Amino acid sequence: MPDKKKIADLHFMDARCKLIDLAAFLDRMDRHPGAEDYRDQALRQCLPILLENRSDRAKAVLDALSDHSTDLLESAPFQGAFGAPQPQKGGMS
């Protein structure tokens, strides 16, 4: 089993790049006008999970960004995904 140094040697630069990309995304969202977007809000709500001392951060973030509804749509609005659960109409997100 690899130790922490070996894991850092292998994956630090990739994680660093992703973190800088996230910071740049948040900077762009903050700089531009317009209504709040639920996807931006969903990402920001996940940030504290990253700092928690827990072994299931990836699962927790995936769960937070997943649509847990079980109701089937008659038809999909497009082929793809939104990447975060959409707020419920007339209710909380």
PDB file of N, CA and C in Angstrom:
ATOM      1  N   MET A   1       0.853  -1.180   0.000  1.00  0.00           N
ATOM      2  CA  MET A   1       0.000   0.000   0.000  1.00  0.00           C
ATOM      3  C   MET A   1       0.898   1.242   0.000  1.00  0.00           C
ATOM      4  N   PRO A   2       0.591   2.218  -0.856  1.00  0.00           N
ATOM      5  CA  PRO A   2       1.423   3.428  -0.909  1.00  0.00           C
ATOM      6  C   PRO A   2       1.227   4.286   0.343  1.00  0.00           C
ATOM      7  N   ASP A   3       2.273   5.018   0.693  1.00  0.00           N
ATOM      8  CA  ASP A   3       2.158   5.946   1.816  1.00  0.00           C
ATOM      9  C   ASP A   3       1.730   7.321   1.297  1.00  0.00           C
ATOM     10  N   LYS A   4       1.535   8.257   2.204  1.00  0.00           N
ATOM     11  CA  LYS A   4       1.042   9.587   1.832  1.00  0.00           C
ATOM     12  C   LYS A   4       1.985  10.309   0.884  1.00  0.00           C
ATOM     13  N   LYS A   5       3.294  10.147   1.075  1.00  0.00           N
ATOM     14  CA  LYS A   5       4.254  10.800   0.187  1.00  0.00           C
ATOM     15  C   LYS A   5       4.117  10.272  -1.237  1.00  0.00           C
ATOM     16  N   LYS A   6       3.968   8.979  -1.384  1.00  0.00           N
ATOM     17  CA  LYS A   6       3.833   8.381  -2.716  1.00  0.00           C
ATOM     18  C   LYS A   6       2.537   8.866  -3.390  1.00  0.00           C
ATOM     19  N   ILE A   7       1.449   8.935  -2.627  1.00  0.00           N
ATOM     20  CA  ILE A   7       0.182   9.434  -3.169  1.00  0.00           C
ATOM     21  C   ILE A   7       0.338  10.894  -3.585  1.00  0.00           C
ATOM     22  N   ALA A   8       0.989  11.702  -2.751  1.00  0.00           N
ATOM     23  CA  ALA A   8       1.217  13.107  -3.101  1.00  0.00           C
ATOM     24  C   ALA A   8       2.106  13.220  -4.336  1.00  0.00           C
ATOM     25  N   ASP A   9       3.156  12.399  -4.393  1.00  0.00           N
ATOM     26  CA  ASP A   9       4.043  12.412  -5.563  1.00  0.00           C
ATOM     27  C   ASP A   9       3.262  12.114  -6.840  1.00  0.00           C
ATOM     28  N   LEU A  10       2.308  11.208  -6.770  1.00  0.00           N
ATOM     29  CA  LEU A  10       1.558  10.784  -7.954  1.00  0.00           C
ATOM     30  C   LEU A  10       0.402  11.718  -8.317  1.00  0.00           C
ATOM     31  N   HIS A  11      -0.249  12.315  -7.332  1.00  0.00           N
ATOM     32  CA  HIS A  11      -1.528  12.978  -7.604  1.00  0.00           C
ATOM     33  C   HIS A  11      -1.609  14.452  -7.213  1.00  0.00           C
ATOM     34  N   PHE A  12      -0.606  14.998  -6.547  1.00  0.00           N
ATOM     35  CA  PHE A  12      -0.701  16.374  -6.068  1.00  0.00           C
ATOM     36  C   PHE A  12      -0.901  17.375  -7.198  1.00  0.00           C
ATOM     37  N   MET A  13      -0.114  17.277  -8.256  1.00  0.00           N
ATOM     38  CA  MET A  13      -0.197  18.267  -9.336  1.00  0.00           C
ATOM     39  C   MET A  13      -1.585  18.256  -9.996  1.00  0.00           C
ATOM     40  N   ASP A  14      -2.173  17.088 -10.150  1.00  0.00           N
ATOM     41  CA  ASP A  14      -3.519  16.997 -10.720  1.00  0.00           C
ATOM     42  C   ASP A  14      -4.542  17.643  -9.787  1.00  0.00           C
ATOM     43  N   ALA A  15      -4.449  17.354  -8.494  1.00  0.00           N
ATOM     44  CA  ALA A  15      -5.370  17.958  -7.525  1.00  0.00           C
ATOM     45  C   ALA A  15      -5.179  19.470  -7.465  1.00  0.00           C
ATOM     46  N   ARG A  16      -3.931  19.921  -7.514  1.00  0.00           N
ATOM     47  CA  ARG A  16      -3.619  21.352  -7.508  1.00  0.00           C
ATOM     48  C   ARG A  16      -4.273  22.046  -8.695  1.00  0.00           C
ATOM     49  N   CYS A  17      -4.150  21.446  -9.860  1.00  0.00           N
ATOM     50  CA  CYS A  17      -4.738  22.008 -11.084  1.00  0.00           C
ATOM     51  C   CYS A  17      -6.255  22.121 -10.955  1.00  0.00           C
ATOM     52  N   LYS A  18      -6.884  21.073 -10.445  1.00  0.00           N
ATOM     53  CA  LYS A  18      -8.344  21.091 -10.288  1.00  0.00           C
ATOM     54  C   LYS A  18      -8.783  22.156  -9.290  1.00  0.00           C
ATOM     55  N   LEU A  19      -8.017  22.330  -8.241  1.00  0.00           N
ATOM     56  CA  LEU A  19      -8.347  23.353  -7.242  1.00  0.00           C
ATOM     57  C   LEU A  19      -8.207  24.754  -7.825  1.00  0.00           C
ATOM     58  N   ILE A  20      -7.167  24.976  -8.618  1.00  0.00           N
ATOM     59  CA  ILE A  20      -6.994  26.276  -9.280  1.00  0.00           C
ATOM     60  C   ILE A  20      -8.122  26.508 -10.283  1.00  0.00           C
ATOM     61  N   ASP A  21      -8.523  25.475 -11.013  1.00  0.00           N
ATOM     62  CA  ASP A  21      -9.657  25.603 -11.932  1.00  0.00           C
ATOM     63  C   ASP A  21     -10.933  25.984 -11.195  1.00  0.00           C
ATOM     64  N   LEU A  22     -11.166  25.366 -10.045  1.00  0.00           N
ATOM     65  CA  LEU A  22     -12.353  25.696  -9.247  1.00  0.00           C
ATOM     66  C   LEU A  22     -12.291  27.135  -8.758  1.00  0.00           C
ATOM     67  N   ALA A  23     -11.125  27.561  -8.292  1.00  0.00           N
ATOM     68  CA  ALA A  23     -10.964  28.948  -7.843  1.00  0.00           C
ATOM     69  C   ALA A  23     -11.232  29.920  -8.986  1.00  0.00           C
ATOM     70  N   ALA A  24     -10.745  29.602 -10.175  1.00  0.00           N
ATOM     71  CA  ALA A  24     -10.973  30.467 -11.333  1.00  0.00           C
ATOM     72  C   ALA A  24     -12.460  30.514 -11.691  1.00  0.00           C
ATOM     73  N   PHE A  25     -13.136  29.374 -11.618  1.00  0.00           N
ATOM     74  CA  PHE A  25     -14.583  29.337 -11.879  1.00  0.00           C
ATOM     75  C   PHE A  25     -15.324  30.244 -10.891  1.00  0.00           C
ATOM     76  N   LEU A  26     -14.997  30.122  -9.610  1.00  0.00           N
ATOM     77  CA  LEU A  26     -15.664  30.943  -8.596  1.00  0.00           C
ATOM     78  C   LEU A  26     -15.371  32.427  -8.812  1.00  0.00           C
ATOM     79  N   ASP A  27     -14.129  32.749  -9.199  1.00  0.00           N
ATOM     80  CA  ASP A  27     -13.791  34.145  -9.509  1.00  0.00           C
ATOM     81  C   ASP A  27     -14.648  34.668 -10.661  1.00  0.00           C
ATOM     82  N   ARG A  28     -14.795  33.875 -11.717  1.00  0.00           N
ATOM     83  CA  ARG A  28     -15.611  34.306 -12.870  1.00  0.00           C
ATOM     84  C   ARG A  28     -17.060  34.500 -12.457  1.00  0.00           C
ATOM     85  N   MET A  29     -17.599  33.584 -11.666  1.00  0.00           N
ATOM     86  CA  MET A  29     -18.992  33.703 -11.235  1.00  0.00           C
ATOM     87  C   MET A  29     -19.184  34.970 -10.397  1.00  0.00           C
ATOM     88  N   ASP A  30     -18.221  35.278  -9.540  1.00  0.00           N
ATOM     89  CA  ASP A  30     -18.329  36.462  -8.682  1.00  0.00           C
ATOM     90  C   ASP A  30     -18.176  37.766  -9.470  1.00  0.00           C
ATOM     91  N   ARG A  31     -17.418  37.742 -10.551  1.00  0.00           N
ATOM     92  CA  ARG A  31     -17.148  38.962 -11.327  1.00  0.00           C
ATOM     93  C   ARG A  31     -18.289  39.362 -12.242  1.00  0.00           C
ATOM     94  N   HIS A  32     -19.129  38.439 -12.623  1.00  0.00           N
ATOM     95  CA  HIS A  32     -20.124  38.732 -13.656  1.00  0.00           C
ATOM     96  C   HIS A  32     -21.512  38.939 -13.077  1.00  0.00           C
ATOM     97  N   PRO A  33     -22.281  39.801 -13.725  1.00  0.00           N
ATOM     98  CA  PRO A  33     -23.635  40.077 -13.247  1.00  0.00           C
ATOM     99  C   PRO A  33     -24.594  38.955 -13.615  1.00  0.00           C
ATOM    100  N   GLY A  34     -25.758  39.033 -13.031  1.00  0.00           N
ATOM    101  CA  GLY A  34     -26.816  38.084 -13.359  1.00  0.00           C
ATOM    102  C   GLY A  34     -27.370  37.435 -12.107  1.00  0.00           C
ATOM    103  N   ALA A  35     -28.425  36.693 -12.318  1.00  0.00           N
ATOM    104  CA  ALA A  35     -29.090  36.004 -11.211  1.00  0.00           C
ATOM    105  C   ALA A  35     -28.210  34.878 -10.686  1.00  0.00           C
ATOM    106  N   GLU A  36     -28.409  34.553  -9.432  1.00  0.00           N
ATOM    107  CA  GLU A  36     -27.697  33.423  -8.839  1.00  0.00           C
ATOM    108  C   GLU A  36     -28.030  32.152  -9.619  1.00  0.00           C
ATOM    109  N   ASP A  37     -27.069  31.259  -9.719  1.00  0.00           N
ATOM    110  CA  ASP A  37     -27.268  29.999 -10.430  1.00  0.00           C
ATOM    111  C   ASP A  37     -27.179  28.845  -9.431  1.00  0.00           C
ATOM    112  N   TYR A  38     -28.122  27.928  -9.516  1.00  0.00           N
ATOM    113  CA  TYR A  38     -28.184  26.826  -8.560  1.00  0.00           C
ATOM    114  C   TYR A  38     -26.935  25.940  -8.625  1.00  0.00           C
ATOM    115  N   ARG A  39     -26.286  25.846  -9.779  1.00  0.00           N
ATOM    116  CA  ARG A  39     -25.091  25.005  -9.894  1.00  0.00           C
ATOM    117  C   ARG A  39     -23.924  25.624  -9.134  1.00  0.00           C
ATOM    118  N   ASP A  40     -23.780  26.937  -9.234  1.00  0.00           N
ATOM    119  CA  ASP A  40     -22.755  27.642  -8.471  1.00  0.00           C
ATOM    120  C   ASP A  40     -23.019  27.466  -6.983  1.00  0.00           C
ATOM    121  N   GLN A  41     -24.259  27.630  -6.582  1.00  0.00           N
ATOM    122  CA  GLN A  41     -24.614  27.479  -5.169  1.00  0.00           C
ATOM    123  C   GLN A  41     -24.342  26.053  -4.690  1.00  0.00           C
ATOM    124  N   ALA A  42     -24.629  25.058  -5.537  1.00  0.00           N
ATOM    125  CA  ALA A  42     -24.400  23.664  -5.163  1.00  0.00           C
ATOM    126  C   ALA A  42     -22.911  23.396  -4.955  1.00  0.00           C
ATOM    127  N   LEU A  43     -22.063  23.935  -5.834  1.00  0.00           N
ATOM    128  CA  LEU A  43     -20.617  23.753  -5.658  1.00  0.00           C
ATOM    129  C   LEU A  43     -20.136  24.406  -4.371  1.00  0.00           C
ATOM    130  N   ARG A  44     -20.605  25.605  -4.109  1.00  0.00           N
ATOM    131  CA  ARG A  44     -20.174  26.320  -2.904  1.00  0.00           C
ATOM    132  C   ARG A  44     -20.610  25.584  -1.640  1.00  0.00           C
ATOM    133  N   GLN A  45     -21.767  24.944  -1.680  1.00  0.00           N
ATOM    134  CA  GLN A  45     -22.236  24.184  -0.518  1.00  0.00           C
ATOM    135  C   GLN A  45     -21.387  22.941  -0.274  1.00  0.00           C
ATOM    136  N   CYS A  46     -20.686  22.474  -1.293  1.00  0.00           N
ATOM    137  CA  CYS A  46     -19.820  21.293  -1.147  1.00  0.00           C
ATOM    138  C   CYS A  46     -18.448  21.634  -0.579  1.00  0.00           C
ATOM    139  N   LEU A  47     -18.034  22.872  -0.665  1.00  0.00           N
ATOM    140  CA  LEU A  47     -16.677  23.234  -0.239  1.00  0.00           C
ATOM    141  C   LEU A  47     -16.368  22.859   1.214  1.00  0.00           C
ATOM    142  N   PRO A  48     -17.274  23.067   2.166  1.00  0.00           N
ATOM    143  CA  PRO A  48     -16.954  22.663   3.540  1.00  0.00           C
ATOM    144  C   PRO A  48     -16.706  21.158   3.685  1.00  0.00           C
ATOM    145  N   ILE A  49     -17.335  20.357   2.851  1.00  0.00           N
ATOM    146  CA  ILE A  49     -17.127  18.902   2.913  1.00  0.00           C
ATOM    147  C   ILE A  49     -15.657  18.570   2.685  1.00  0.00           C
ATOM    148  N   LEU A  50     -15.005  19.325   1.794  1.00  0.00           N
ATOM    149  CA  LEU A  50     -13.607  19.049   1.473  1.00  0.00           C
ATOM    150  C   LEU A  50     -12.694  19.226   2.677  1.00  0.00           C
ATOM    151  N   LEU A  51     -13.071  20.094   3.605  1.00  0.00           N
ATOM    152  CA  LEU A  51     -12.236  20.381   4.763  1.00  0.00           C
ATOM    153  C   LEU A  51     -12.569  19.513   5.970  1.00  0.00           C
ATOM    154  N   GLU A  52     -13.635  18.734   5.873  1.00  0.00           N
ATOM    155  CA  GLU A  52     -14.003  17.862   6.989  1.00  0.00           C
ATOM    156  C   GLU A  52     -13.047  16.678   7.051  1.00  0.00           C
ATOM    157  N   ASN A  53     -12.779  16.218   8.251  1.00  0.00           N
ATOM    158  CA  ASN A  53     -11.922  15.050   8.443  1.00  0.00           C
ATOM    159  C   ASN A  53     -12.790  13.797   8.369  1.00  0.00           C
ATOM    160  N   ARG A  54     -13.019  13.343   7.151  1.00  0.00           N
ATOM    161  CA  ARG A  54     -13.852  12.164   6.939  1.00  0.00           C
ATOM    162  C   ARG A  54     -13.295  11.372   5.772  1.00  0.00           C
ATOM    163  N   SER A  55     -13.612  10.123   5.726  1.00  0.00           N
ATOM    164  CA  SER A  55     -13.038   9.241   4.700  1.00  0.00           C
ATOM    165  C   SER A  55     -13.935   9.088   3.483  1.00  0.00           C
ATOM    166  N   ASP A  56     -15.085   9.750   3.481  1.00  0.00           N
ATOM    167  CA  ASP A  56     -16.018   9.588   2.356  1.00  0.00           C
ATOM    168  C   ASP A  56     -16.341  10.921   1.691  1.00  0.00           C
ATOM    169  N   ARG A  57     -15.352  11.798   1.562  1.00  0.00           N
ATOM    170  CA  ARG A  57     -15.587  13.117   0.966  1.00  0.00           C
ATOM    171  C   ARG A  57     -16.114  13.003  -0.459  1.00  0.00           C
ATOM    172  N   ALA A  58     -15.515  12.147  -1.261  1.00  0.00           N
ATOM    173  CA  ALA A  58     -15.948  12.018  -2.658  1.00  0.00           C
ATOM    174  C   ALA A  58     -17.414  11.596  -2.728  1.00  0.00           C
ATOM    175  N   LYS A  59     -17.805  10.626  -1.911  1.00  0.00           N
ATOM    176  CA  LYS A  59     -19.205  10.180  -1.883  1.00  0.00           C
ATOM    177  C   LYS A  59     -20.118  11.304  -1.416  1.00  0.00           C
ATOM    178  N   ALA A  60     -19.707  12.026  -0.388  1.00  0.00           N
ATOM    179  CA  ALA A  60     -20.527  13.111   0.151  1.00  0.00           C
ATOM    180  C   ALA A  60     -20.738  14.204  -0.892  1.00  0.00           C
ATOM    181  N   VAL A  61     -19.681  14.557  -1.626  1.00  0.00           N
ATOM    182  CA  VAL A  61     -19.807  15.582  -2.675  1.00  0.00           C
ATOM    183  C   VAL A  61     -20.690  15.049  -3.810  1.00  0.00           C
ATOM    184  N   LEU A  62     -20.468  13.821  -4.221  1.00  0.00           N
ATOM    185  CA  LEU A  62     -21.290  13.236  -5.282  1.00  0.00           C
ATOM    186  C   LEU A  62     -22.757  13.202  -4.871  1.00  0.00           C
ATOM    187  N   ASP A  63     -23.028  12.804  -3.638  1.00  0.00           N
ATOM    188  CA  ASP A  63     -24.411  12.792  -3.146  1.00  0.00           C
ATOM    189  C   ASP A  63     -25.011  14.193  -3.155  1.00  0.00           C
ATOM    190  N   ALA A  64     -24.232  15.193  -2.740  1.00  0.00           N
ATOM    191  CA  ALA A  64     -24.728  16.572  -2.689  1.00  0.00           C
ATOM    192  C   ALA A  64     -25.023  17.118  -4.089  1.00  0.00           C
ATOM    193  N   LEU A  65     -24.297  16.635  -5.087  1.00  0.00           N
ATOM    194  CA  LEU A  65     -24.469  17.134  -6.455  1.00  0.00           C
ATOM    195  C   LEU A  65     -25.356  16.229  -7.303  1.00  0.00           C
ATOM    196  N   SER A  66     -25.978  15.242  -6.689  1.00  0.00           N
ATOM    197  CA  SER A  66     -26.811  14.295  -7.420  1.00  0.00           C
ATOM    198  C   SER A  66     -28.289  14.584  -7.220  1.00  0.00           C
ATOM    199  N   ASP A  67     -29.036  14.300  -8.244  1.00  0.00           N
ATOM    200  CA  ASP A  67     -30.495  14.420  -8.186  1.00  0.00           C
ATOM    201  C   ASP A  67     -31.040  13.132  -7.591  1.00  0.00           C
ATOM    202  N   HIS A  68     -31.649  13.215  -6.431  1.00  0.00           N
ATOM    203  CA  HIS A  68     -32.154  12.034  -5.737  1.00  0.00           C
ATOM    204  C   HIS A  68     -33.647  11.803  -5.985  1.00  0.00           C
ATOM    205  N   SER A  69     -34.223  12.557  -6.922  1.00  0.00           N
ATOM    206  CA  SER A  69     -35.645  12.364  -7.201  1.00  0.00           C
ATOM    207  C   SER A  69     -35.866  11.004  -7.845  1.00  0.00           C
ATOM    208  N   THR A  70     -37.037  10.468  -7.626  1.00  0.00           N
ATOM    209  CA  THR A  70     -37.368   9.154  -8.190  1.00  0.00           C
ATOM    210  C   THR A  70     -38.488   9.247  -9.210  1.00  0.00           C
ATOM    211  N   ASP A  71     -39.043  10.436  -9.398  1.00  0.00           N
ATOM    212  CA  ASP A  71     -40.104  10.617 -10.372  1.00  0.00           C
ATOM    213  C   ASP A  71     -39.520  10.640 -11.782  1.00  0.00           C
ATOM    214  N   LEU A  72     -40.115   9.867 -12.667  1.00  0.00           N
ATOM    215  CA  LEU A  72     -39.657   9.830 -14.048  1.00  0.00           C
ATOM    216  C   LEU A  72     -40.280  10.972 -14.846  1.00  0.00           C
ATOM    217  N   LEU A  73     -39.489  11.553 -15.735  1.00  0.00           N
ATOM    218  CA  LEU A  73     -39.995  12.579 -16.637  1.00  0.00           C
ATOM    219  C   LEU A  73     -40.615  11.909 -17.852  1.00  0.00           C
ATOM    220  N   GLU A  74     -41.621  12.563 -18.447  1.00  0.00           N
ATOM    221  CA  GLU A  74     -42.197  12.018 -19.675  1.00  0.00           C
ATOM    222  C   GLU A  74     -41.166  11.994 -20.786  1.00  0.00           C
ATOM    223  N   SER A  75     -40.379  13.054 -20.861  1.00  0.00           N
ATOM    224  CA  SER A  75     -39.303  13.110 -21.839  1.00  0.00           C
ATOM    225  C   SER A  75     -38.203  14.005 -21.289  1.00  0.00           C
ATOM    226  N   ALA A  76     -37.006  13.708 -21.693  1.00  0.00           N
ATOM    227  CA  ALA A  76     -35.866  14.508 -21.242  1.00  0.00           C
ATOM    228  C   ALA A  76     -35.809  15.803 -22.035  1.00  0.00           C
ATOM    229  N   PRO A  77     -35.456  16.924 -21.390  1.00  0.00           N
ATOM    230  CA  PRO A  77     -35.372  18.184 -22.113  1.00  0.00           C
ATOM    231  C   PRO A  77     -34.207  18.202 -23.105  1.00  0.00           C
ATOM    232  N   PHE A  78     -33.212  17.351 -22.862  1.00  0.00           N
ATOM    233  CA  PHE A  78     -32.055  17.222 -23.752  1.00  0.00           C
ATOM    234  C   PHE A  78     -31.297  15.979 -23.318  1.00  0.00           C
ATOM    235  N   GLN A  79     -30.318  15.577 -24.103  1.00  0.00           N
ATOM    236  CA  GLN A  79     -29.492  14.436 -23.725  1.00  0.00           C
ATOM    237  C   GLN A  79     -28.296  14.954 -22.943  1.00  0.00           C
ATOM    238  N   GLY A  80     -28.223  14.652 -21.684  1.00  0.00           N
ATOM    239  CA  GLY A  80     -27.142  15.145 -20.847  1.00  0.00           C
ATOM    240  C   GLY A  80     -27.595  15.287 -19.417  1.00  0.00           C
ATOM    241  N   ALA A  81     -26.818  16.036 -18.646  1.00  0.00           N
ATOM    242  CA  ALA A  81     -27.108  16.235 -17.234  1.00  0.00           C
ATOM    243  C   ALA A  81     -26.785  17.673 -16.858  1.00  0.00           C
ATOM    244  N   PHE A  82     -27.351  18.113 -15.743  1.00  0.00           N
ATOM    245  CA  PHE A  82     -27.114  19.468 -15.255  1.00  0.00           C
ATOM    246  C   PHE A  82     -25.919  19.525 -14.308  1.00  0.00           C
ATOM    247  N   GLY A  83     -25.559  18.427 -13.672  1.00  0.00           N
ATOM    248  CA  GLY A  83     -24.403  18.389 -12.788  1.00  0.00           C
ATOM    249  C   GLY A  83     -24.695  18.747 -11.349  1.00  0.00           C
ATOM    250  N   ALA A  84     -25.928  19.159 -11.085  1.00  0.00           N
ATOM    251  CA  ALA A  84     -26.364  19.485  -9.725  1.00  0.00           C
ATOM    252  C   ALA A  84     -27.882  19.418  -9.721  1.00  0.00           C
ATOM    253  N   PRO A  85     -28.470  19.083  -8.593  1.00  0.00           N
ATOM    254  CA  PRO A  85     -29.929  19.039  -8.548  1.00  0.00           C
ATOM    255  C   PRO A  85     -30.529  20.424  -8.741  1.00  0.00           C
ATOM    256  N   GLN A  86     -31.558  20.499  -9.556  1.00  0.00           N
ATOM    257  CA  GLN A  86     -32.231  21.778  -9.781  1.00  0.00           C
ATOM    258  C   GLN A  86     -33.167  22.072  -8.620  1.00  0.00           C
ATOM    259  N   PRO A  87     -33.322  23.339  -8.281  1.00  0.00           N
ATOM    260  CA  PRO A  87     -34.256  23.699  -7.221  1.00  0.00           C
ATOM    261  C   PRO A  87     -35.671  23.296  -7.592  1.00  0.00           C
ATOM    262  N   GLN A  88     -36.429  22.924  -6.595  1.00  0.00           N
ATOM    263  CA  GLN A  88     -37.826  22.580  -6.809  1.00  0.00           C
ATOM    264  C   GLN A  88     -38.623  23.856  -7.028  1.00  0.00           C
ATOM    265  N   LYS A  89     -39.547  23.826  -7.955  1.00  0.00           N
ATOM    266  CA  LYS A  89     -40.383  25.007  -8.214  1.00  0.00           C
ATOM    267  C   LYS A  89     -41.249  25.304  -7.011  1.00  0.00           C
ATOM    268  N   GLY A  90     -41.167  26.552  -6.567  1.00  0.00           N
ATOM    269  CA  GLY A  90     -41.979  26.982  -5.440  1.00  0.00           C
ATOM    270  C   GLY A  90     -41.496  26.481  -4.097  1.00  0.00           C
ATOM    271  N   GLY A  91     -40.288  25.860  -4.054  1.00  0.00           N
ATOM    272  CA  GLY A  91     -39.791  25.345  -2.780  1.00  0.00           C
ATOM    273  C   GLY A  91     -38.323  25.609  -2.621  1.00  0.00           C
ATOM    274  N   MET A  92     -37.757  24.913  -1.702  1.00  0.00           N
ATOM    275  CA  MET A  92     -36.323  25.082  -1.431  1.00  0.00           C
ATOM    276  C   MET A  92     -35.528  24.232  -2.407  1.00  0.00           C
ATOM    277  N   SER A  93     -34.268  24.585  -2.619  1.00  0.00           N
ATOM    278  CA  SER A  93     -33.416  23.828  -3.521  1.00  0.00           C
ATOM    279  C   SER A  93     -32.828  22.615  -2.843  1.00  0.00           C
TER     280      SER A  93
END
